[in-house]
Amino acid sequence: MSRGSVYALQLPAPRAETWAWQMHATCRAYDVNDFYETSHESRKSLAAKRICASCPVLTHCRDYAVAANEPHGIWGGMTPHERARYRWLHYRPKRT
């Protein structure tokens, strides 16, 4: 990427149906604090990843977190570090 290149985040439009996937997320039955930890890999984050593993909307969640560059927590079964690596390897937003 050259110095002058700028990538814009491609977030979904703020419509209710765009976020409907969240209503089916397994994590809704858990305390939100279960998905946020200060250390890189802890028992808490591993437990959160196990919850995510069986979630029917795991892909939607991961794609949202990658596109939004979500800086904290377990989203789509990934830590912020794992999402950054995934973004680097797989996600190429449109240039503006």
N, C-alpha and C. Protein backbone atom coordinates (compact mmCIF):
# COMPACT_ATOMS: atom_id res chain seq x y z
N MET A 1 0.85 -1.17 0.00
CA MET A 1 0.00 0.00 0.00
C MET A 1 0.89 1.23 0.00
N SER A 2 0.62 2.14 -0.90
CA SER A 2 1.42 3.36 -0.94
C SER A 2 0.96 4.32 0.16
N ARG A 3 1.79 5.28 0.45
CA ARG A 3 1.50 6.23 1.52
C ARG A 3 0.21 6.99 1.30
N GLY A 4 -0.13 7.30 0.07
CA GLY A 4 -1.31 8.10 -0.23
C GLY A 4 -2.60 7.29 -0.29
N SER A 5 -2.52 5.96 -0.25
CA SER A 5 -3.71 5.12 -0.34
C SER A 5 -4.52 5.21 0.95
N VAL A 6 -5.83 5.31 0.78
CA VAL A 6 -6.72 5.37 1.94
C VAL A 6 -7.83 4.35 1.73
N TYR A 7 -8.04 3.53 2.74
CA TYR A 7 -9.13 2.56 2.71
C TYR A 7 -10.22 3.04 3.65
N ALA A 8 -11.45 2.95 3.20
CA ALA A 8 -12.58 3.33 4.04
C ALA A 8 -13.26 2.07 4.55
N LEU A 9 -13.71 2.11 5.78
CA LEU A 9 -14.48 0.98 6.31
C LEU A 9 -15.81 0.92 5.59
N GLN A 10 -16.22 -0.26 5.23
CA GLN A 10 -17.48 -0.47 4.53
C GLN A 10 -18.50 -1.04 5.51
N LEU A 11 -19.08 -0.19 6.33
CA LEU A 11 -20.07 -0.63 7.30
C LEU A 11 -21.45 -0.68 6.67
N PRO A 12 -22.29 -1.59 7.14
CA PRO A 12 -23.64 -1.67 6.61
C PRO A 12 -24.43 -0.40 6.95
N ALA A 13 -25.40 -0.12 6.12
CA ALA A 13 -26.28 1.03 6.37
C ALA A 13 -27.05 0.80 7.68
N PRO A 14 -27.35 1.85 8.41
CA PRO A 14 -28.04 1.68 9.70
C PRO A 14 -29.53 1.38 9.53
N ARG A 15 -29.85 0.17 9.09
CA ARG A 15 -31.24 -0.27 8.94
C ARG A 15 -31.45 -1.43 9.89
N ALA A 16 -32.64 -1.55 10.41
CA ALA A 16 -32.94 -2.60 11.39
C ALA A 16 -32.65 -3.99 10.84
N GLU A 17 -33.00 -4.26 9.60
CA GLU A 17 -32.79 -5.60 9.04
C GLU A 17 -31.30 -5.92 8.88
N THR A 18 -30.47 -4.90 8.77
CA THR A 18 -29.03 -5.11 8.67
C THR A 18 -28.48 -5.72 9.94
N TRP A 19 -29.07 -5.41 11.06
CA TRP A 19 -28.59 -5.88 12.36
C TRP A 19 -29.44 -7.02 12.90
N ALA A 20 -30.38 -7.52 12.15
CA ALA A 20 -31.28 -8.58 12.62
C ALA A 20 -30.53 -9.84 13.03
N TRP A 21 -29.38 -10.10 12.45
CA TRP A 21 -28.61 -11.28 12.81
C TRP A 21 -28.29 -11.32 14.30
N GLN A 22 -28.15 -10.16 14.92
CA GLN A 22 -27.80 -10.11 16.34
C GLN A 22 -28.87 -10.75 17.22
N MET A 23 -30.10 -10.76 16.77
CA MET A 23 -31.17 -11.37 17.55
C MET A 23 -30.99 -12.88 17.67
N HIS A 24 -30.20 -13.48 16.81
CA HIS A 24 -29.99 -14.92 16.80
C HIS A 24 -28.64 -15.33 17.39
N ALA A 25 -27.91 -14.37 17.92
CA ALA A 25 -26.57 -14.64 18.46
C ALA A 25 -26.65 -15.40 19.78
N THR A 26 -25.85 -16.42 19.90
CA THR A 26 -25.78 -17.23 21.12
C THR A 26 -25.36 -16.39 22.32
N CYS A 27 -24.50 -15.41 22.10
CA CYS A 27 -23.97 -14.60 23.19
C CYS A 27 -25.03 -13.76 23.90
N ARG A 28 -26.20 -13.60 23.30
CA ARG A 28 -27.27 -12.82 23.93
C ARG A 28 -27.69 -13.42 25.26
N ALA A 29 -27.44 -14.70 25.46
CA ALA A 29 -27.82 -15.38 26.70
C ALA A 29 -26.73 -15.26 27.78
N TYR A 30 -25.65 -14.56 27.48
CA TYR A 30 -24.52 -14.44 28.40
C TYR A 30 -24.28 -12.99 28.77
N ASP A 31 -23.55 -12.80 29.85
CA ASP A 31 -23.14 -11.46 30.27
C ASP A 31 -22.13 -10.92 29.26
N VAL A 32 -22.33 -9.71 28.81
CA VAL A 32 -21.44 -9.11 27.81
C VAL A 32 -20.00 -9.07 28.31
N ASN A 33 -19.80 -8.95 29.61
CA ASN A 33 -18.45 -8.91 30.17
C ASN A 33 -17.69 -10.22 29.96
N ASP A 34 -18.40 -11.30 29.68
CA ASP A 34 -17.75 -12.58 29.40
C ASP A 34 -16.94 -12.54 28.11
N PHE A 35 -17.18 -11.54 27.27
CA PHE A 35 -16.54 -11.45 25.96
C PHE A 35 -15.45 -10.38 25.88
N TYR A 36 -15.16 -9.76 27.01
CA TYR A 36 -14.14 -8.71 27.06
C TYR A 36 -13.13 -9.03 28.14
N GLU A 37 -11.87 -9.06 27.78
CA GLU A 37 -10.78 -9.38 28.71
C GLU A 37 -9.62 -8.47 28.40
N THR A 38 -8.85 -8.15 29.40
CA THR A 38 -7.71 -7.26 29.18
C THR A 38 -6.48 -7.99 28.67
N SER A 39 -6.30 -9.24 29.03
CA SER A 39 -5.12 -9.98 28.56
C SER A 39 -5.39 -10.58 27.18
N HIS A 40 -4.31 -10.91 26.48
CA HIS A 40 -4.43 -11.39 25.09
C HIS A 40 -5.17 -12.72 24.99
N GLU A 41 -4.75 -13.72 25.68
CA GLU A 41 -5.40 -15.04 25.66
C GLU A 41 -5.59 -15.50 27.09
N SER A 42 -6.77 -15.44 27.58
CA SER A 42 -7.04 -15.87 28.94
C SER A 42 -8.11 -16.94 28.94
N ARG A 43 -8.37 -17.49 30.10
CA ARG A 43 -9.45 -18.47 30.22
C ARG A 43 -10.77 -17.86 29.82
N LYS A 44 -10.95 -16.60 30.17
CA LYS A 44 -12.20 -15.91 29.85
C LYS A 44 -12.40 -15.81 28.33
N SER A 45 -11.35 -15.44 27.61
CA SER A 45 -11.50 -15.33 26.16
C SER A 45 -11.65 -16.70 25.51
N LEU A 46 -11.01 -17.72 26.06
CA LEU A 46 -11.19 -19.07 25.52
C LEU A 46 -12.61 -19.57 25.74
N ALA A 47 -13.19 -19.24 26.90
CA ALA A 47 -14.58 -19.62 27.17
C ALA A 47 -15.51 -18.89 26.20
N ALA A 48 -15.24 -17.62 25.94
CA ALA A 48 -16.06 -16.86 24.99
C ALA A 48 -15.96 -17.46 23.59
N LYS A 49 -14.78 -17.87 23.19
CA LYS A 49 -14.59 -18.49 21.88
C LYS A 49 -15.38 -19.79 21.76
N ARG A 50 -15.46 -20.56 22.86
CA ARG A 50 -16.25 -21.79 22.84
C ARG A 50 -17.73 -21.47 22.64
N ILE A 51 -18.20 -20.39 23.25
CA ILE A 51 -19.59 -19.97 23.05
C ILE A 51 -19.81 -19.60 21.59
N CYS A 52 -18.90 -18.85 21.04
CA CYS A 52 -19.00 -18.42 19.64
C CYS A 52 -18.98 -19.60 18.66
N ALA A 53 -18.24 -20.64 19.00
CA ALA A 53 -18.06 -21.77 18.08
C ALA A 53 -19.38 -22.40 17.64
N SER A 54 -20.38 -22.37 18.51
CA SER A 54 -21.66 -22.99 18.15
C SER A 54 -22.71 -21.95 17.74
N CYS A 55 -22.31 -20.71 17.58
CA CYS A 55 -23.26 -19.64 17.26
C CYS A 55 -23.71 -19.71 15.80
N PRO A 56 -25.02 -19.61 15.56
CA PRO A 56 -25.52 -19.68 14.18
C PRO A 56 -25.19 -18.44 13.35
N VAL A 57 -24.78 -17.34 13.98
CA VAL A 57 -24.47 -16.12 13.23
C VAL A 57 -22.99 -15.74 13.36
N LEU A 58 -22.15 -16.73 13.63
CA LEU A 58 -20.72 -16.49 13.80
C LEU A 58 -20.13 -15.72 12.62
N THR A 59 -20.46 -16.09 11.42
CA THR A 59 -19.91 -15.44 10.23
C THR A 59 -20.33 -13.98 10.14
N HIS A 60 -21.61 -13.70 10.40
CA HIS A 60 -22.09 -12.31 10.39
C HIS A 60 -21.34 -11.48 11.42
N CYS A 61 -21.19 -12.04 12.61
CA CYS A 61 -20.52 -11.35 13.71
C CYS A 61 -19.06 -11.07 13.36
N ARG A 62 -18.37 -12.07 12.87
CA ARG A 62 -16.97 -11.90 12.48
C ARG A 62 -16.82 -10.86 11.38
N ASP A 63 -17.68 -10.96 10.36
CA ASP A 63 -17.59 -10.01 9.25
C ASP A 63 -17.85 -8.58 9.71
N TYR A 64 -18.82 -8.41 10.61
CA TYR A 64 -19.08 -7.08 11.15
C TYR A 64 -17.85 -6.55 11.89
N ALA A 65 -17.30 -7.37 12.80
CA ALA A 65 -16.17 -6.93 13.62
C ALA A 65 -14.94 -6.62 12.78
N VAL A 66 -14.72 -7.39 11.73
CA VAL A 66 -13.59 -7.13 10.83
C VAL A 66 -13.81 -5.84 10.07
N ALA A 67 -15.00 -5.66 9.51
CA ALA A 67 -15.31 -4.45 8.73
C ALA A 67 -15.29 -3.20 9.59
N ALA A 68 -15.75 -3.31 10.83
CA ALA A 68 -15.82 -2.17 11.74
C ALA A 68 -14.49 -1.92 12.46
N ASN A 69 -13.54 -2.82 12.27
CA ASN A 69 -12.26 -2.73 12.96
C ASN A 69 -12.49 -2.66 14.47
N GLU A 70 -13.37 -3.52 14.95
CA GLU A 70 -13.73 -3.57 16.37
C GLU A 70 -12.47 -3.81 17.20
N PRO A 71 -12.10 -2.86 18.08
CA PRO A 71 -10.82 -2.95 18.78
C PRO A 71 -10.80 -3.79 20.06
N HIS A 72 -11.95 -4.21 20.55
CA HIS A 72 -11.99 -4.90 21.83
C HIS A 72 -12.91 -6.12 21.77
N GLY A 73 -12.66 -7.05 22.65
CA GLY A 73 -13.55 -8.16 22.87
C GLY A 73 -13.45 -9.28 21.85
N ILE A 74 -14.19 -10.35 22.18
CA ILE A 74 -14.30 -11.51 21.29
C ILE A 74 -15.53 -11.28 20.42
N TRP A 75 -15.33 -11.25 19.13
CA TRP A 75 -16.41 -11.10 18.14
C TRP A 75 -16.18 -12.16 17.08
N GLY A 76 -17.21 -12.89 16.74
CA GLY A 76 -17.06 -13.92 15.72
C GLY A 76 -16.02 -14.95 16.08
N GLY A 77 -15.81 -15.17 17.37
CA GLY A 77 -14.85 -16.16 17.83
C GLY A 77 -13.40 -15.73 17.70
N MET A 78 -13.17 -14.42 17.52
CA MET A 78 -11.80 -13.93 17.34
C MET A 78 -11.46 -12.80 18.30
N THR A 79 -10.21 -12.78 18.72
CA THR A 79 -9.69 -11.67 19.53
C THR A 79 -9.38 -10.50 18.60
N PRO A 80 -9.14 -9.31 19.15
CA PRO A 80 -8.75 -8.18 18.28
C PRO A 80 -7.50 -8.50 17.45
N HIS A 81 -6.53 -9.17 18.04
CA HIS A 81 -5.31 -9.53 17.32
C HIS A 81 -5.63 -10.49 16.15
N GLU A 82 -6.47 -11.47 16.41
CA GLU A 82 -6.84 -12.42 15.36
C GLU A 82 -7.64 -11.75 14.25
N ARG A 83 -8.49 -10.80 14.62
CA ARG A 83 -9.26 -10.06 13.60
C ARG A 83 -8.33 -9.21 12.74
N ALA A 84 -7.35 -8.61 13.35
CA ALA A 84 -6.39 -7.80 12.58
C ALA A 84 -5.64 -8.67 11.58
N ARG A 85 -5.24 -9.84 12.02
CA ARG A 85 -4.54 -10.78 11.12
C ARG A 85 -5.48 -11.24 10.01
N TYR A 86 -6.71 -11.57 10.37
CA TYR A 86 -7.70 -12.00 9.38
C TYR A 86 -7.92 -10.88 8.35
N ARG A 87 -8.06 -9.66 8.83
CA ARG A 87 -8.28 -8.52 7.95
C ARG A 87 -7.11 -8.38 6.98
N TRP A 88 -5.90 -8.54 7.49
CA TRP A 88 -4.71 -8.42 6.67
C TRP A 88 -4.68 -9.50 5.59
N LEU A 89 -5.09 -10.71 5.95
CA LEU A 89 -5.01 -11.83 5.02
C LEU A 89 -6.20 -11.95 4.07
N HIS A 90 -7.41 -11.54 4.53
CA HIS A 90 -8.61 -11.84 3.76
C HIS A 90 -9.48 -10.67 3.35
N TYR A 91 -9.37 -9.58 4.05
CA TYR A 91 -10.35 -8.52 3.86
C TYR A 91 -9.70 -7.33 3.16
N ARG A 92 -10.24 -6.97 2.03
CA ARG A 92 -9.73 -5.81 1.31
C ARG A 92 -10.91 -4.90 0.97
N PRO A 93 -11.12 -3.85 1.79
CA PRO A 93 -12.23 -2.94 1.52
C PRO A 93 -12.00 -2.16 0.24
N LYS A 94 -13.05 -1.60 -0.27
CA LYS A 94 -12.95 -0.78 -1.48
C LYS A 94 -12.23 0.52 -1.16
N ARG A 95 -11.44 0.97 -2.09
CA ARG A 95 -10.74 2.24 -1.94
C ARG A 95 -11.70 3.39 -2.19
N THR A 96 -11.46 4.51 -1.50
CA THR A 96 -12.30 5.69 -1.72
C THR A 96 -11.62 6.65 -2.65
